[in-house]
């Protein structure tokens, strides 16, 4: 989905409002997660759910700069990283370690470039990666210090996907470099990178998301310039083969490999799920420009929509049924760019945080950044 224009709308959050979805049976495990998006009432938007998306509340109001937040990565039910546009001369990176009660900006202008960070992946609380235009930044101390490990020749390449399988094996994807989409692989924690071009990589114009199930098996998704493309490798990236059955105009935006069999994919006009390693895909309806995706197992997944106003999608039955939330207090949600739920199940929450912002002006980006 290519970058387009923006519009603004007056949005009002009523303090104490909780969005109800479906209610689970007593004793059912829940998952905690976050979704992020456009500025709302003078602060970047972070919404949090402690109960698998049944209820949502706003976090970080007044703590987050008035910037577009583009990506979030949940480490566990208490810890997450959020990245987005630059503010005060360097990209914004925020961290919570208390389930969002407080959000703290990390990094400095001395070690974080003045660019938008398009994707963040937190392997754990110490080891975090983020990518953007001319940036592959990495920390091993939780964000106290960062290093830019961008290889030569990629200073103008818009990097938009990152996945860390472990502390040494990293994949990064992005826009065109050397006439085809970028897939970079590092096997030494980012000290060196190899651009992967085997198989059908050259069919792609840009790759927006990547997810690996193990050292050999990974999926990368994006577009050719006019249609979805999804690539799979089963040999660690030596060769990538285009997946059949992924059909649609514009882009495949995000992918989440739960394991070598179960894979979820979010596209501009559809959500897909495979339970046989990508041999077959089942398309499931979603609103236009669903750009965020998170899945914790073969049946439970969430999506986030960016166009016009934000929508949060949720399924707990493998996609046969999807619930959706697109309003707070009768007003449209701002554009949502990413969603991430921690994979560790938690008991049913005994209490819910009800703090939401009040009336304000939200700037809604019609489309997610796509600069190729």
Protein backbone atom coordinates (compact mmCIF):
# COMPACT_ATOMS: atom_id res chain seq x y z
CA UNK A 1 0.00 0.00 0.00
CA UNK A 2 1.73 3.18 -1.21
CA UNK A 3 1.99 6.36 0.83
CA UNK A 4 -0.77 8.80 0.03
CA UNK A 5 -2.34 11.91 1.54
CA UNK A 6 -3.88 12.50 4.92
CA UNK A 7 -7.07 13.88 6.35
CA UNK A 8 -8.04 14.97 9.81
CA UNK A 9 -11.13 14.37 11.88
CA UNK A 10 -12.35 15.45 15.25
CA UNK A 11 -12.36 12.45 17.58
CA UNK A 12 -13.55 12.23 21.16
CA UNK A 13 -12.52 9.61 23.72
CA UNK A 14 -14.75 9.40 26.78
CA UNK A 15 -12.79 8.76 29.98
CA UNK A 16 -13.65 5.40 31.47
CA UNK A 17 -15.00 3.90 28.25
CA UNK A 18 -14.18 0.24 27.54
CA UNK A 19 -14.84 -1.42 24.21
CA UNK A 20 -16.64 -4.70 24.67
CA UNK A 21 -16.17 -7.59 22.28
CA UNK A 22 -16.97 -11.22 22.91
CA UNK A 23 -16.79 -12.75 26.40
CA UNK A 24 -14.94 -15.99 26.95
CA UNK A 25 -15.83 -18.87 29.18
CA UNK A 26 -14.56 -18.78 32.75
CA UNK A 27 -11.04 -20.19 33.08
CA UNK A 28 -10.07 -19.39 29.49
CA UNK A 29 -6.58 -18.07 28.93
CA UNK A 30 -6.15 -14.59 27.50
CA UNK A 31 -3.44 -12.69 25.62
CA UNK A 32 -2.28 -9.11 26.14
CA UNK A 33 -1.30 -6.81 23.31
CA UNK A 34 -1.02 -3.34 21.81
CA UNK A 35 -1.96 -1.53 18.61
CA UNK A 36 -0.46 1.81 17.52
CA UNK A 37 -1.20 4.52 14.99
CA UNK A 38 -1.66 8.15 14.05
CA UNK A 39 -1.49 11.08 16.47
CA UNK A 40 -4.67 11.64 18.47
CA UNK A 41 -5.35 14.69 20.61
CA UNK A 42 -1.70 15.75 20.49
CA UNK A 43 -0.12 12.40 21.29
CA UNK A 44 0.78 9.31 19.30
CA UNK A 45 -1.84 6.56 19.66
CA UNK A 46 -1.21 3.46 21.76
CA UNK A 47 -4.17 1.21 22.61
CA UNK A 48 -3.84 -1.76 24.96
CA UNK A 49 -5.89 -4.88 25.56
CA UNK A 50 -5.33 -7.20 28.54
CA UNK A 51 -7.91 -9.76 27.42
CA UNK A 52 -7.30 -10.86 23.84
CA UNK A 53 -8.90 -7.78 22.35
CA UNK A 54 -12.23 -7.95 24.14
CA UNK A 55 -11.58 -4.54 25.71
CA UNK A 56 -9.20 -1.71 24.83
CA UNK A 57 -7.94 1.39 26.59
CA UNK A 58 -5.61 4.20 25.58
CA UNK A 59 -2.10 4.39 27.03
CA UNK A 60 0.74 6.90 26.97
CA UNK A 61 -1.43 9.97 26.51
CA UNK A 62 0.78 12.95 27.33
CA UNK A 63 3.88 10.72 27.51
CA UNK A 64 4.13 10.06 23.75
CA UNK A 65 5.24 12.74 21.29
CA UNK A 66 2.74 14.04 18.74
CA UNK A 67 4.04 11.65 16.06
CA UNK A 68 2.83 8.84 13.87
CA UNK A 69 3.57 5.49 15.56
CA UNK A 70 4.19 2.83 12.93
CA UNK A 71 5.19 -0.43 14.62
CA UNK A 72 4.94 -2.25 17.95
CA UNK A 73 6.54 -5.44 19.26
CA UNK A 74 5.27 -7.14 22.43
CA UNK A 75 7.96 -9.07 24.31
CA UNK A 76 5.59 -10.38 26.98
CA UNK A 77 2.34 -9.21 28.61
CA UNK A 78 4.24 -6.48 30.48
CA UNK A 79 6.89 -5.33 28.03
CA UNK A 80 6.74 -3.80 24.54
CA UNK A 81 8.61 -1.48 22.15
CA UNK A 82 6.98 1.10 19.86
CA UNK A 83 8.64 3.04 17.01
CA UNK A 84 7.62 5.74 14.55
CA UNK A 85 8.37 9.15 13.11
CA UNK A 86 11.28 11.33 14.12
CA UNK A 87 10.86 13.93 16.86
CA UNK A 88 13.48 16.41 18.13
CA UNK A 89 15.93 15.25 15.49
CA UNK A 90 15.81 11.46 15.88
CA UNK A 91 13.39 8.56 15.44
CA UNK A 92 10.98 7.84 18.27
CA UNK A 93 11.35 4.62 20.24
CA UNK A 94 9.27 4.01 23.36
CA UNK A 95 9.39 1.21 25.91
CA UNK A 96 7.10 -0.05 28.65
CA UNK A 97 7.98 -2.63 31.27
CA UNK A 98 4.81 -2.31 33.37
CA UNK A 99 2.08 -3.26 30.88
CA UNK A 100 1.83 0.31 29.64
CA UNK A 101 1.29 2.17 32.89
CA UNK A 102 4.24 4.32 31.81
CA UNK A 103 6.02 4.72 28.47
CA UNK A 104 9.61 5.96 28.29
CA UNK A 105 11.44 7.24 25.23
CA UNK A 106 14.77 5.47 24.75
CA UNK A 107 17.84 6.28 22.68
CA UNK A 108 19.37 9.64 21.85
CA UNK A 109 20.05 11.80 18.80
CA UNK A 110 23.64 10.60 19.01
CA UNK A 111 22.83 6.95 18.25
CA UNK A 112 19.41 6.99 16.54
CA UNK A 113 19.09 8.44 13.01
CA UNK A 114 16.71 11.25 12.08
CA UNK A 115 14.31 9.05 10.10
CA UNK A 116 11.04 7.18 10.43
CA UNK A 117 11.42 3.67 11.79
CA UNK A 118 9.00 1.41 9.92
CA UNK A 119 9.31 -1.80 11.92
CA UNK A 120 10.56 -2.98 15.30
CA UNK A 121 11.23 -6.51 16.50
CA UNK A 122 12.07 -7.20 20.12
CA UNK A 123 13.59 -10.64 20.56
CA UNK A 124 13.66 -10.06 24.31
CA UNK A 125 14.00 -7.11 26.68
CA UNK A 126 17.69 -6.67 25.82
CA UNK A 127 17.94 -7.49 22.13
CA UNK A 128 15.86 -5.23 19.86
CA UNK A 129 16.04 -4.41 16.13
CA UNK A 130 14.36 -1.60 14.17
CA UNK A 131 14.54 -0.59 10.51
CA UNK A 132 13.70 2.45 8.40
CA UNK A 133 15.01 4.51 5.51
CA UNK A 134 18.77 3.99 5.63
CA UNK A 135 18.65 2.38 9.07
CA UNK A 136 19.11 -1.03 10.67
CA UNK A 137 19.51 -0.16 14.33
CA UNK A 138 20.19 -2.66 17.08
CA UNK A 139 20.54 -2.65 20.85
CA UNK A 140 21.76 -5.40 23.16
CA UNK A 141 21.18 -3.49 26.40
CA UNK A 142 17.48 -2.77 26.20
CA UNK A 143 17.87 0.54 24.41
CA UNK A 144 20.47 2.41 26.46
CA UNK A 145 22.76 2.36 23.43
CA UNK A 146 22.06 1.67 19.75
CA UNK A 147 24.25 1.00 16.72
CA UNK A 148 23.31 1.41 13.06
CA UNK A 149 24.37 -1.78 11.29
CA UNK A 150 23.31 -0.73 7.80
CA UNK A 151 25.56 -2.26 5.12
CA UNK A 152 27.16 -0.20 2.38
CA UNK A 153 24.91 0.53 -0.59
CA UNK A 154 21.63 0.75 1.33
CA UNK A 155 21.67 4.36 2.55
CA UNK A 156 18.69 5.27 0.35
CA UNK A 157 16.82 1.96 0.56
CA UNK A 158 13.54 2.06 2.47
CA UNK A 159 13.71 -0.93 4.80
CA UNK A 160 10.33 -2.03 6.13
CA UNK A 161 10.55 -5.50 7.64
CA UNK A 162 12.76 -7.12 10.28
CA UNK A 163 12.72 -10.46 12.08
CA UNK A 164 15.24 -11.85 14.57
CA UNK A 165 15.14 -15.62 14.84
CA UNK A 166 17.70 -15.49 17.65
CA UNK A 167 20.57 -13.22 18.71
CA UNK A 168 22.64 -13.92 15.58
CA UNK A 169 20.26 -14.75 12.70
CA UNK A 170 18.40 -11.70 11.38
CA UNK A 171 16.34 -10.99 8.25
CA UNK A 172 15.53 -7.50 6.91
CA UNK A 173 13.28 -6.65 3.95
CA UNK A 174 12.45 -3.50 2.03
CA UNK A 175 12.26 -1.62 -1.22
CA UNK A 176 14.12 -1.97 -4.48
CA UNK A 177 17.89 -2.27 -4.43
CA UNK A 178 19.78 -3.58 -7.48
CA UNK A 179 16.47 -3.60 -9.45
CA UNK A 180 14.53 -5.95 -7.16
CA UNK A 181 13.17 -6.07 -3.61
CA UNK A 182 15.55 -6.25 -0.68
CA UNK A 183 16.01 -9.32 1.49
CA UNK A 184 19.09 -9.03 3.70
CA UNK A 185 20.27 -11.92 5.89
CA UNK A 186 22.81 -11.74 8.70
CA UNK A 187 24.19 -14.77 10.49
CA UNK A 188 26.50 -12.80 12.80
CA UNK A 189 24.20 -10.37 14.65
CA UNK A 190 24.37 -7.76 11.92
CA UNK A 191 28.13 -7.53 11.50
CA UNK A 192 27.74 -8.59 7.86
CA UNK A 193 24.75 -8.88 5.54
CA UNK A 194 24.06 -10.85 2.36
CA UNK A 195 21.37 -9.76 -0.10
CA UNK A 196 19.30 -12.79 -1.03
CA UNK A 197 18.17 -13.07 -4.64
CA UNK A 198 17.62 -16.77 -5.32
CA UNK A 199 14.43 -18.05 -6.90
CA UNK A 200 11.52 -15.60 -7.21
CA UNK A 201 12.88 -12.67 -5.21
CA UNK A 202 13.42 -10.75 -8.43
CA UNK A 203 9.64 -10.87 -9.06
CA UNK A 204 9.10 -8.51 -6.13
CA UNK A 205 9.36 -4.73 -6.21
CA UNK A 206 9.19 -4.30 -2.43
CA UNK A 207 8.82 -6.56 0.61
CA UNK A 208 7.07 -5.12 3.64
CA UNK A 209 7.09 -7.94 6.16
CA UNK A 210 9.04 -11.07 7.07
CA UNK A 211 8.59 -13.85 9.62
CA UNK A 212 10.59 -17.03 10.23
CA UNK A 213 9.46 -20.28 11.83
CA UNK A 214 12.96 -21.71 12.17
CA UNK A 215 16.45 -21.33 10.71
CA UNK A 216 15.38 -22.74 7.35
CA UNK A 217 11.74 -21.68 6.96
CA UNK A 218 10.56 -18.10 6.48
CA UNK A 219 8.01 -16.03 4.55
CA UNK A 220 8.41 -12.53 3.09
CA UNK A 221 5.49 -10.51 1.71
CA UNK A 222 5.02 -7.34 -0.33
CA UNK A 223 4.14 -6.41 -3.88
CA UNK A 224 5.25 -6.43 -7.48
CA UNK A 225 4.00 -2.93 -8.12
CA UNK A 226 0.46 -4.02 -8.99
CA UNK A 227 -0.29 -7.22 -7.07
CA UNK A 228 0.38 -9.14 -3.85
CA UNK A 229 3.45 -11.31 -3.61
CA UNK A 230 4.37 -13.84 -0.92
CA UNK A 231 7.68 -15.71 -0.92
CA UNK A 232 8.75 -18.75 1.10
CA UNK A 233 12.17 -20.22 1.76
CA UNK A 234 12.89 -23.68 3.18
CA UNK A 235 16.66 -23.49 2.86
CA UNK A 236 17.50 -20.50 5.00
CA UNK A 237 16.99 -17.99 2.20
CA UNK A 238 19.21 -19.45 -0.51
CA UNK A 239 16.10 -19.72 -2.67
CA UNK A 240 12.67 -18.09 -2.32
CA UNK A 241 9.60 -19.44 -4.07
CA UNK A 242 6.45 -17.45 -4.78
CA UNK A 243 3.37 -18.81 -3.01
CA UNK A 244 0.39 -19.73 -5.15
CA UNK A 245 -3.12 -18.67 -4.20
CA UNK A 246 -2.28 -15.19 -2.88
CA UNK A 247 -4.27 -13.03 -5.28
CA UNK A 248 -5.08 -9.34 -5.12
CA UNK A 249 -4.15 -5.83 -6.18
CA UNK A 250 -1.57 -3.68 -4.41
CA UNK A 251 0.32 -5.18 -1.43
CA UNK A 252 0.64 -8.00 1.02
CA UNK A 253 1.55 -6.05 4.13
CA UNK A 254 2.49 -8.37 6.98
CA UNK A 255 3.09 -12.05 7.72
CA UNK A 256 3.20 -14.05 10.93
CA UNK A 257 4.58 -17.59 10.98
CA UNK A 258 3.35 -19.36 14.11
CA UNK A 259 5.33 -22.47 13.14
CA UNK A 260 6.36 -24.25 9.94
CA UNK A 261 2.73 -25.18 9.23
CA UNK A 262 0.57 -22.28 10.43
CA UNK A 263 1.08 -18.91 8.73
CA UNK A 264 -1.12 -15.79 8.71
CA UNK A 265 -0.91 -12.96 6.19
CA UNK A 266 -2.48 -9.48 5.99
CA UNK A 267 -3.04 -7.93 2.57
CA UNK A 268 -4.58 -4.72 1.30
CA UNK A 269 -7.96 -6.33 0.79
CA UNK A 270 -7.80 -9.70 2.49
CA UNK A 271 -6.46 -11.78 5.35
CA UNK A 272 -5.03 -15.22 4.57
CA UNK A 273 -4.25 -18.31 6.65
CA UNK A 274 -2.38 -21.49 5.79
CA UNK A 275 -2.19 -24.60 7.95
CA UNK A 276 0.06 -26.63 5.65
CA UNK A 277 3.17 -24.49 5.38
CA UNK A 278 1.85 -22.36 2.54
CA UNK A 279 0.81 -25.12 0.16
CA UNK A 280 -2.77 -23.85 0.40
CA UNK A 281 -4.15 -20.52 1.58
CA UNK A 282 -7.67 -19.63 2.70
CA UNK A 283 -8.68 -16.04 2.07
CA UNK A 284 -10.74 -14.29 4.73
CA UNK A 285 -12.47 -10.95 4.29
CA UNK A 286 -10.96 -7.82 5.83
CA UNK A 287 -11.33 -4.10 5.29
CA UNK A 288 -9.13 -2.32 2.76
CA UNK A 289 -5.53 -1.72 3.83
CA UNK A 290 -5.22 -4.06 6.77
CA UNK A 291 -1.55 -3.45 7.48
CA UNK A 292 -1.06 -4.84 10.98
CA UNK A 293 -1.09 -8.51 11.95
CA UNK A 294 -0.36 -10.60 15.03
CA UNK A 295 -1.02 -14.30 15.69
CA UNK A 296 -0.22 -16.44 18.72
CA UNK A 297 -1.38 -19.87 17.55
CA UNK A 298 -3.34 -21.62 14.81
CA UNK A 299 -6.70 -20.11 15.77
CA UNK A 300 -6.08 -16.74 17.45
CA UNK A 301 -5.04 -13.67 15.44
CA UNK A 302 -5.56 -9.91 15.24
CA UNK A 303 -5.39 -7.37 12.43
CA UNK A 304 -5.18 -3.56 12.31
CA UNK A 305 -6.52 -1.36 9.51
CA UNK A 306 -5.08 1.98 8.42
CA UNK A 307 -7.34 3.45 5.76
CA UNK A 308 -9.72 6.34 6.59
CA UNK A 309 -10.23 5.23 10.19
CA UNK A 310 -8.71 2.42 12.18
CA UNK A 311 -10.27 -0.98 12.73
CA UNK A 312 -9.13 -3.80 15.01
CA UNK A 313 -9.97 -7.33 13.84
CA UNK A 314 -9.90 -10.46 16.00
CA UNK A 315 -10.55 -14.16 15.46
CA UNK A 316 -10.36 -16.98 17.97
CA UNK A 317 -11.53 -19.76 15.64
CA UNK A 318 -8.96 -19.73 12.85
CA UNK A 319 -10.68 -17.02 10.87
CA UNK A 320 -14.14 -18.53 10.43
CA UNK A 321 -15.46 -15.54 12.34
CA UNK A 322 -13.93 -12.10 12.88
CA UNK A 323 -15.09 -9.44 15.29
CA UNK A 324 -14.16 -5.82 14.64
CA UNK A 325 -13.88 -2.61 16.61
CA UNK A 326 -13.64 0.74 14.82
CA UNK A 327 -14.99 3.27 17.30
CA UNK A 328 -14.49 4.65 20.78
CA UNK A 329 -17.50 6.38 22.26
CA UNK A 330 -19.21 6.52 18.90
CA UNK A 331 -16.21 8.18 17.21
CA UNK A 332 -13.89 6.60 14.67
CA UNK A 333 -10.54 5.25 15.77
CA UNK A 334 -7.48 6.90 14.24
CA UNK A 335 -5.55 5.11 11.53
CA UNK A 336 -3.86 2.04 13.06
CA UNK A 337 -0.53 0.89 11.60
CA UNK A 338 0.49 -2.19 13.60
CA UNK A 339 -0.65 -4.65 16.25
CA UNK A 340 1.28 -7.07 18.46
CA UNK A 341 0.14 -9.57 21.09
CA UNK A 342 2.50 -11.43 23.42
CA UNK A 343 2.49 -15.17 22.84
CA UNK A 344 2.43 -16.03 26.54
CA UNK A 345 -1.11 -16.77 27.72
CA UNK A 346 -2.32 -15.10 30.92
CA UNK A 347 -5.27 -15.76 33.24
CA UNK A 348 -8.42 -13.71 32.83
CA UNK A 349 -7.63 -10.19 34.08
CA UNK A 350 -9.33 -9.37 37.39
CA UNK A 351 -9.43 -5.65 36.62
CA UNK A 352 -9.26 -3.54 33.48
CA UNK A 353 -7.54 -0.21 32.99
CA UNK A 354 -10.18 2.28 31.89
CA UNK A 355 -8.09 5.38 31.24
CA UNK A 356 -8.80 6.95 27.88
CA UNK A 357 -8.09 10.39 26.50
CA UNK A 358 -10.63 13.16 25.94
CA UNK A 359 -11.76 15.20 22.97
CA UNK A 360 -9.10 16.12 20.45
CA UNK A 361 -8.07 16.40 16.85
CA UNK A 362 -6.72 13.21 15.29
CA UNK A 363 -4.64 13.25 12.14
CA UNK A 364 -5.53 10.16 10.14
CA UNK A 365 -3.13 8.90 7.51
CA UNK A 366 -5.03 7.27 4.70
CA UNK A 367 -2.27 4.90 3.89
CA UNK A 368 0.76 3.41 5.55
CA UNK A 369 4.17 4.67 4.51
CA UNK A 370 5.39 2.93 1.41
CA UNK A 371 8.49 4.61 -0.03
CA UNK A 372 10.23 2.39 -2.53
